[in-house]
Amino acid sequence: MFERMLVGKIENRITVGIVCFVGIMVLLGWAAINEGGRMASLDETYHARAIEAGALLFTTNCTRCHGTDGRGLAGYAPGLNSPMLFGHDFYPEVTSQITELQAESVGLNTELNAPATTAERKTEINTRLAEIDTQIQTLDAPRQTALQAAITNGYNPQQPDRLKELGWVGTRDAFILTTLIHGRPTSINYWQNGAMPTWSQTGGGPLRTDQLEDLVAYVENWDKGDQWTLDDLFAVKAFPILPADPAPLLAEIDLLKKSGGNIPDAVGSDPQAALTAISTLTGDPAHGSDLYHGAENTLLGKTLVCSGCHIQTSNGTGPMTDGTFTRIQDIRLKDPVLAGFTPEQYIVTSILQPSSYIVPGFQDLMLKDFGTKLAPQDLADLVAYLKTMNQPQ
């Protein structure tokens, strides 16, 4: 009897063990089957967090040049929220046909200039070259008409892919990341706000590598694939510029100055001297508004686009534009640090020496070179415009 009971218990344990083993194997199989989905979900969560972190970094560090919406600021930096960065061509068939015709034209011109080319063949080549020019114009005319608003801002419809324009053969992620790491030291030659600095701590910048990768994720998140529209293209305020030699332009400006041309001197960085310079001038608030919003260049040919950081009705990288003069009178000048300041002195100092007083709640991110971009009349006009920015009653 005892032996039968012992055998029964052993059999029960064996049964339980088998059931447990089978259960474990089923669970392991289920986990293995679903591991890909679980890892994909974790990747999506990590990527989403990287985009969120990148958005904050972009707002803090990049909007003053690339705009709060990432579409660039004329004279400051190109748009990143742009179909051109992501290589979207609105007229791929036209681009392809024109590229083929241009390649044929290059080959024919080489043959035309070859010593062995006969007169008869040269006549044939010239006839074909004329036909190619006509074909290109016929193909390009509708595209030029449709994209004219973007072309006016610097868009080249024949080369709608920024990476191809630069001959970049790596990935877009790598292009954005290396640009952040190394900066663009030569961009001082073709963007008015100066060279793009390095943002990597390895090069003396402020951001860690993981933060740079978050910025890349945020910029890449703007990609719409095949869903880009012409409205997206027309919303871009500045397109990339191919590096250019500024020497001829600088020489021309220098010649105009030496020959008594009418290019005025910059106002400089000394607020008191600037106040003296504009004391006899009458400011034009309408022109000041145009300068402030980038609708017109300064007398020195520079674009300001103050509204890129100072949004009209809400705080951006800098304080909002509306109510500026009221806040100066009612709040700013009551700070003991600004004792004795006049409203005009506060405005001029804020423009020419923005680091001397930082409005509470904001960072010292304003560009420091406005004194090199403004003629005295420009400054007087800006002051006149900002004095109209009172808080609505």
Foldseek 3Di string as FASTA:
>chain_A
DVVVVVVVVVVVVVVVVVVVVVVVVVVVVVCVVCVVVVVVVVVVVVLVVLLVLLLVVCQQAPLQACFNVQLGAVLRDHRLLAVLQVPDAPCVVLLVVLVVLVVVLVVLVVLLPDPPDDPVVNVVSVVVNVVSVVVNCVSCVVVCVLQVLLVVQPQDNSRSHPCVVVPNDDDSLVVQLVCQQQWAQLCQLPGVLHTGHRQDVVRVHDDHSSNSSSNSSNSVVSDPDNPDDSVSSSPRNHHDDDRDHNVVVVVVVVVCVVVVHDQFAFLAQDLVSLCVVLVPPAAAQVVLVCQCCQVDAASNRGHDRVCSQAPAPQHGLHHHLAAQLVCVVPPVCVPPVNPPDDSLSVLSNCQQPVVVDDDPPHDSNDRNCVSRRHDSRNSNHNSVNSNVRRHDD
